[in-house]
Amino acid sequence: MTTKIQWAQNEDGSKGETWNPVVGCDPVSPGCKNCYAARQSARLFKQYGQVKYKGLISPRAGGDHFNGTIRTDDAWLQLPLRRRKGTTYFTCSMSDLHHERVPASFLHKVYAVMAHCQRHRFFVLTKRPQGMRDYIRPFYQGSMMKAADALGLRWEPGTFPSKQWPMSNIWAGTSVESQEYMPRVDRLRETPAVIRFVSQEPQLREVDWTGHLEGIDWVIIGGESGPGARPFFLEWASKTIEQCQDAGVSVFVKQLGDNPMTHRGRVGHFGPKGKDIDAWPAELRVRDMPRVAAA
């Protein structure tokens, strides 16, 4: 499914895709409180009758929340194999691929598909980076080969695309909404990846990157949007931009959210979700993408 998420665009500027072979999740930190994916899952079932999303949500005070149910989808698993033109996939935008309840056998299949589809880029974003680290570091190539065989994918002996990890088409990321969750970055740093990125969205507190940017290639900044959006201070974005640029790390300001503020008070509206980049202060109009080093 085509996505409007700006940081998931293709290198030529065209829109990327979402790929959801796994759906469902549960909250693990304050950034999950107003989860877009939970609201969207509820809407896709209630309004459109998509049974894939049935039973994933438990209504609670303040909105819909994931209830911990995890569902895998073999049909969606096949989509990148059928698409011939290369694209960028935001992987499991409606879940967390490294949720502890995703079956290992299915995780092997997901990675086998990504390994096979070198024409695509896959952005894997998780709030459980320790799970991603523990999966990738030992690199389950034998299990992935078995999963590939089960999917009917064939390679000649010795030509498995991921003989050498990291694979050039898989970017590994984690989310950090406040300083309290900076240890996630440490787990990400311990994960072999060609590009490591951090989504600082929804940013809920000021984040100090001093001493934390080594081994990180890209930081995405964003304020919260949707019902109950919490404040996002523009000074937070300015600080992260400055620290990233000083360290030579690419930085991408996605949106200022629906409740943008400065320390002097609330500021003017910057369009839906705070995405009207032309209305932003000039110093926040930064949308850099990292580059994969040539082999």
Protein backbone atom coordinates (compact mmCIF):
# COMPACT_ATOMS: atom_id res chain seq x y z
CA MET A 1 0.00 0.00 0.00
CA THR A 2 1.38 3.40 -0.98
CA THR A 3 2.37 5.57 1.98
CA LYS A 4 2.50 9.34 2.40
CA ILE A 5 5.21 9.04 5.06
CA GLN A 6 7.92 11.33 3.75
CA TRP A 7 10.90 9.50 5.18
CA ALA A 8 9.77 6.27 3.51
CA GLN A 9 9.97 7.74 0.04
CA ASN A 10 12.08 6.29 -2.77
CA GLU A 11 15.42 7.71 -3.80
CA ASP A 12 13.80 9.44 -6.79
CA GLY A 13 11.32 11.21 -4.49
CA SER A 14 8.34 9.01 -5.39
CA LYS A 15 6.17 7.52 -2.65
CA GLY A 16 7.20 4.31 -0.92
CA GLU A 17 4.99 1.50 0.35
CA THR A 18 3.92 -0.06 3.63
CA TRP A 19 4.27 -3.83 4.00
CA ASN A 20 2.38 -5.53 6.81
CA PRO A 21 2.96 -9.29 6.95
CA VAL A 22 2.44 -8.92 10.73
CA VAL A 23 -0.26 -6.85 12.46
CA GLY A 24 -1.05 -6.19 16.11
CA CYS A 25 1.05 -5.05 19.05
CA ASP A 26 0.75 -3.79 22.62
CA PRO A 27 1.95 -0.61 24.40
CA VAL A 28 5.48 -0.62 25.82
CA SER A 29 6.14 3.06 26.61
CA PRO A 30 4.47 6.51 26.71
CA GLY A 31 5.00 7.00 22.97
CA CYS A 32 2.38 4.29 22.39
CA LYS A 33 -0.43 6.17 24.16
CA ASN A 34 -1.98 7.71 21.03
CA CYS A 35 -0.76 5.08 18.57
CA TYR A 36 -1.73 5.84 14.98
CA ALA A 37 -1.49 2.17 13.99
CA ALA A 38 -3.99 1.19 16.71
CA ARG A 39 -6.48 3.84 15.54
CA GLN A 40 -5.99 2.78 11.94
CA SER A 41 -6.45 -0.90 12.78
CA ALA A 42 -9.76 -0.16 14.51
CA ARG A 43 -10.91 1.90 11.51
CA LEU A 44 -9.90 -0.73 8.94
CA PHE A 45 -12.02 -3.34 10.70
CA LYS A 46 -15.00 -1.24 11.79
CA GLN A 47 -15.41 0.84 8.62
CA TYR A 48 -14.00 -1.43 5.94
CA GLY A 49 -14.53 -4.90 7.38
CA GLN A 50 -10.92 -6.00 6.95
CA VAL A 51 -10.94 -9.16 9.08
CA LYS A 52 -7.16 -9.11 9.27
CA TYR A 53 -7.56 -6.43 11.96
CA LYS A 54 -10.41 -8.06 13.89
CA GLY A 55 -9.74 -8.52 17.59
CA LEU A 56 -6.49 -6.54 17.71
CA ILE A 57 -7.91 -3.56 19.60
CA SER A 58 -9.33 -3.04 23.09
CA PRO A 59 -11.11 0.30 23.54
CA ARG A 60 -9.89 2.10 26.65
CA ALA A 61 -10.22 5.54 28.16
CA GLY A 62 -8.54 7.95 25.81
CA GLY A 63 -8.84 5.85 22.64
CA ASP A 64 -8.16 2.51 20.99
CA HIS A 65 -5.16 0.47 22.08
CA PHE A 66 -3.56 -2.71 20.82
CA ASN A 67 -4.32 -5.64 23.14
CA GLY A 68 -1.27 -7.82 22.45
CA THR A 69 -2.84 -10.01 19.78
CA ILE A 70 -0.36 -10.73 16.98
CA ARG A 71 -1.49 -11.98 13.57
CA THR A 72 0.70 -13.08 10.65
CA ASP A 73 -0.41 -12.81 7.03
CA ASP A 74 1.04 -15.20 4.44
CA ALA A 75 -0.65 -13.36 1.57
CA TRP A 76 1.01 -10.05 2.46
CA LEU A 77 4.29 -11.88 2.97
CA GLN A 78 4.38 -12.51 -0.79
CA LEU A 79 3.80 -8.92 -1.96
CA PRO A 80 7.44 -7.78 -2.38
CA LEU A 81 8.16 -10.95 -4.38
CA ARG A 82 5.47 -10.02 -6.90
CA ARG A 83 6.49 -6.38 -7.29
CA ARG A 84 9.14 -6.12 -9.98
CA LYS A 85 9.90 -2.42 -9.77
CA GLY A 86 12.11 -1.56 -6.81
CA THR A 87 10.54 0.44 -4.01
CA THR A 88 10.98 1.35 -0.34
CA TYR A 89 8.93 -0.62 2.17
CA PHE A 90 8.13 0.63 5.67
CA THR A 91 8.01 -2.84 7.16
CA CYS A 92 5.26 -3.68 9.69
CA SER A 93 3.91 -0.16 10.06
CA MET A 94 0.88 -1.73 11.77
CA SER A 95 2.86 -3.83 14.22
CA ASP A 96 6.37 -4.43 15.54
CA LEU A 97 8.23 -7.07 13.55
CA HIS A 98 10.37 -7.91 16.58
CA HIS A 99 7.50 -8.26 19.02
CA GLU A 100 8.23 -11.21 21.27
CA ARG A 101 5.05 -12.99 20.11
CA VAL A 102 5.94 -13.02 16.41
CA PRO A 103 6.75 -16.70 15.74
CA ALA A 104 10.42 -17.27 14.94
CA SER A 105 9.44 -19.42 11.97
CA PHE A 106 7.51 -16.52 10.46
CA LEU A 107 10.27 -14.02 11.25
CA HIS A 108 12.65 -16.23 9.25
CA LYS A 109 10.24 -16.03 6.30
CA VAL A 110 10.04 -12.23 6.49
CA TYR A 111 13.82 -11.92 6.45
CA ALA A 112 14.09 -14.50 3.66
CA VAL A 113 11.76 -12.37 1.51
CA MET A 114 13.76 -9.23 2.28
CA ALA A 115 17.01 -11.05 1.45
CA HIS A 116 15.60 -12.30 -1.84
CA CYS A 117 14.22 -8.89 -2.91
CA GLN A 118 17.44 -6.93 -3.26
CA ARG A 119 15.67 -4.53 -5.65
CA HIS A 120 13.66 -3.15 -2.70
CA ARG A 121 14.68 -1.27 0.45
CA PHE A 122 13.12 -2.35 3.74
CA PHE A 123 12.95 -0.01 6.74
CA VAL A 124 12.44 -2.04 9.93
CA LEU A 125 11.43 0.19 12.86
CA THR A 126 10.95 -1.38 16.31
CA LYS A 127 10.44 -0.33 19.91
CA ARG A 128 12.03 -3.66 20.85
CA PRO A 129 15.57 -3.25 19.51
CA GLN A 130 16.91 -5.91 21.85
CA GLY A 131 14.79 -8.43 19.93
CA MET A 132 16.12 -7.21 16.60
CA ARG A 133 19.70 -7.29 17.91
CA ASP A 134 19.32 -10.80 19.30
CA TYR A 135 17.83 -12.01 16.02
CA ILE A 136 20.32 -10.38 13.68
CA ARG A 137 23.60 -10.73 15.57
CA PRO A 138 23.74 -14.54 15.37
CA PHE A 139 22.15 -14.32 11.90
CA TYR A 140 19.95 -17.31 11.39
CA GLN A 141 21.00 -17.99 7.81
CA GLY A 142 20.25 -21.72 7.99
CA SER A 143 16.72 -21.06 9.25
CA MET A 144 16.20 -18.38 6.63
CA MET A 145 17.29 -20.79 3.89
CA LYS A 146 14.72 -23.32 5.13
CA ALA A 147 12.09 -20.57 5.17
CA ALA A 148 13.11 -19.59 1.65
CA ASP A 149 12.69 -23.18 0.51
CA ALA A 150 9.23 -23.26 2.07
CA LEU A 151 8.33 -20.13 0.10
CA GLY A 152 9.65 -21.63 -3.12
CA LEU A 153 12.60 -19.22 -3.31
CA ARG A 154 15.73 -20.73 -4.84
CA TRP A 155 19.36 -19.69 -4.96
CA GLU A 156 22.37 -21.50 -6.32
CA PRO A 157 24.74 -22.80 -3.64
CA GLY A 158 26.86 -20.02 -2.21
CA THR A 159 24.84 -17.22 -3.76
CA PHE A 160 22.47 -16.46 -0.89
CA PRO A 161 22.25 -12.65 -1.05
CA SER A 162 23.04 -12.24 2.62
CA LYS A 163 26.19 -14.34 2.87
CA GLN A 164 27.70 -11.24 4.41
CA TRP A 165 25.63 -9.39 6.98
CA PRO A 166 24.47 -6.66 6.98
CA MET A 167 22.28 -6.80 3.90
CA SER A 168 22.50 -3.55 1.96
CA ASN A 169 18.72 -3.27 1.51
CA ILE A 170 17.63 -3.55 5.16
CA TRP A 171 17.77 -0.45 7.37
CA ALA A 172 17.37 -1.04 11.11
CA GLY A 173 15.65 1.52 13.33
CA THR A 174 14.23 2.12 16.79
CA SER A 175 11.99 4.75 18.40
CA VAL A 176 12.97 7.12 21.22
CA GLU A 177 10.37 9.53 22.59
CA SER A 178 12.40 10.87 25.52
CA GLN A 179 15.78 10.59 27.21
CA GLU A 180 14.48 7.75 29.36
CA TYR A 181 14.40 5.47 26.33
CA MET A 182 17.87 6.27 25.02
CA PRO A 183 19.03 2.72 26.01
CA ARG A 184 17.11 1.56 22.93
CA VAL A 185 19.76 3.37 20.88
CA ASP A 186 22.45 1.33 22.62
CA ARG A 187 20.69 -1.88 21.57
CA LEU A 188 20.37 -0.54 18.02
CA ARG A 189 24.08 0.28 17.96
CA GLU A 190 24.78 -3.35 18.84
CA THR A 191 22.75 -4.48 15.80
CA PRO A 192 24.63 -5.10 12.53
CA ALA A 193 23.01 -2.91 9.86
CA VAL A 194 24.05 -0.94 6.80
CA ILE A 195 21.97 2.02 8.08
CA ARG A 196 20.87 2.51 11.68
CA PHE A 197 18.15 5.08 12.22
CA VAL A 198 16.19 6.50 15.14
CA SER A 199 12.64 7.83 15.00
CA GLN A 200 12.28 10.58 17.59
CA GLU A 201 8.51 10.57 17.10
CA PRO A 202 6.32 11.30 18.86
CA GLN A 203 8.88 13.36 20.75
CA LEU A 204 7.52 13.98 24.25
CA ARG A 205 10.53 15.48 26.03
CA GLU A 206 13.81 17.14 25.17
CA VAL A 207 16.44 14.63 24.05
CA ASP A 208 20.18 15.20 24.52
CA TRP A 209 22.20 13.23 21.98
CA THR A 210 25.58 13.98 23.58
CA GLY A 211 27.60 10.76 23.49
CA HIS A 212 24.84 8.77 21.76
CA LEU A 213 25.27 9.44 18.04
CA GLU A 214 28.22 7.17 17.36
CA GLY A 215 27.12 4.40 14.99
CA ILE A 216 23.83 6.14 14.17
CA ASP A 217 23.28 7.25 10.57
CA TRP A 218 19.92 9.00 10.63
CA VAL A 219 17.54 10.67 13.11
CA ILE A 220 13.89 11.43 12.26
CA ILE A 221 12.10 14.11 14.31
CA GLY A 222 8.35 14.51 14.70
CA GLY A 223 5.67 15.91 16.95
CA GLU A 224 2.56 13.94 17.83
CA SER A 225 -0.57 14.23 15.72
CA GLY A 226 -4.15 13.08 16.06
CA PRO A 227 -6.60 13.16 18.98
CA GLY A 228 -4.99 14.11 22.28
CA ALA A 229 -1.71 15.17 20.69
CA ARG A 230 0.81 16.12 23.35
CA PRO A 231 2.96 19.27 23.12
CA PHE A 232 5.99 19.36 20.87
CA PHE A 233 8.48 22.17 21.52
CA LEU A 234 10.25 23.54 18.48
CA GLU A 235 13.36 24.07 20.60
CA TRP A 236 13.61 20.29 20.99
CA ALA A 237 13.83 19.91 17.24
CA SER A 238 16.40 22.69 16.93
CA LYS A 239 18.64 21.04 19.52
CA THR A 240 18.54 17.64 17.83
CA ILE A 241 19.20 19.18 14.41
CA GLU A 242 22.24 21.02 15.74
CA GLN A 243 23.65 17.97 17.51
CA CYS A 244 23.15 15.72 14.49
CA GLN A 245 24.66 18.19 12.04
CA ASP A 246 27.66 18.74 14.32
CA ALA A 247 28.19 14.95 14.40
CA GLY A 248 27.69 14.47 10.66
CA VAL A 249 24.47 12.48 11.15
CA SER A 250 21.62 12.90 8.67
CA VAL A 251 18.50 14.41 10.19
CA PHE A 252 14.94 14.54 8.86
CA VAL A 253 12.16 16.68 10.35
CA LYS A 254 8.95 14.90 9.43
CA GLN A 255 6.27 17.06 11.09
CA LEU A 256 5.69 19.47 13.96
CA GLY A 257 2.53 17.72 15.12
CA ASP A 258 -0.89 19.02 16.05
CA ASN A 259 0.24 20.75 19.26
CA PRO A 260 3.44 22.67 18.42
CA MET A 261 4.81 25.06 21.04
CA THR A 262 7.82 27.12 21.97
CA HIS A 263 8.93 27.95 25.48
CA ARG A 264 7.09 31.26 25.01
CA GLY A 265 3.79 29.44 24.40
CA ARG A 266 1.74 27.86 21.66
CA VAL A 267 2.62 28.83 18.12
CA GLY A 268 0.60 29.10 14.94
CA HIS A 269 -0.82 26.10 13.13
CA PHE A 270 1.46 24.50 10.55
CA GLY A 271 -1.25 22.63 8.67
CA PRO A 272 -2.66 19.16 9.40
CA LYS A 273 -0.21 17.23 11.59
CA GLY A 274 2.14 20.18 11.38
CA LYS A 275 3.33 19.05 7.94
CA ASP A 276 3.27 22.37 6.08
CA ILE A 277 7.03 22.69 5.77
CA ASP A 278 6.79 26.06 3.99
CA ALA A 279 5.29 27.56 7.17
CA TRP A 280 8.00 26.21 9.47
CA PRO A 281 10.88 28.28 10.81
CA ALA A 282 13.67 28.07 8.23
CA GLU A 283 16.07 26.28 10.58
CA LEU A 284 13.64 23.35 10.94
CA ARG A 285 13.24 22.72 7.20
CA VAL A 286 15.74 19.88 7.17
CA ARG A 287 15.06 16.62 5.38
CA ASP A 288 18.31 14.77 4.81
CA MET A 289 18.51 11.10 3.86
CA PRO A 290 21.53 8.92 4.66
CA ARG A 291 23.51 7.27 1.91
CA VAL A 292 24.62 3.65 1.87
CA ALA A 293 28.38 3.54 1.42
CA ALA A 294 29.52 1.92 -1.82
CA ALA A 295 30.71 -1.66 -1.35
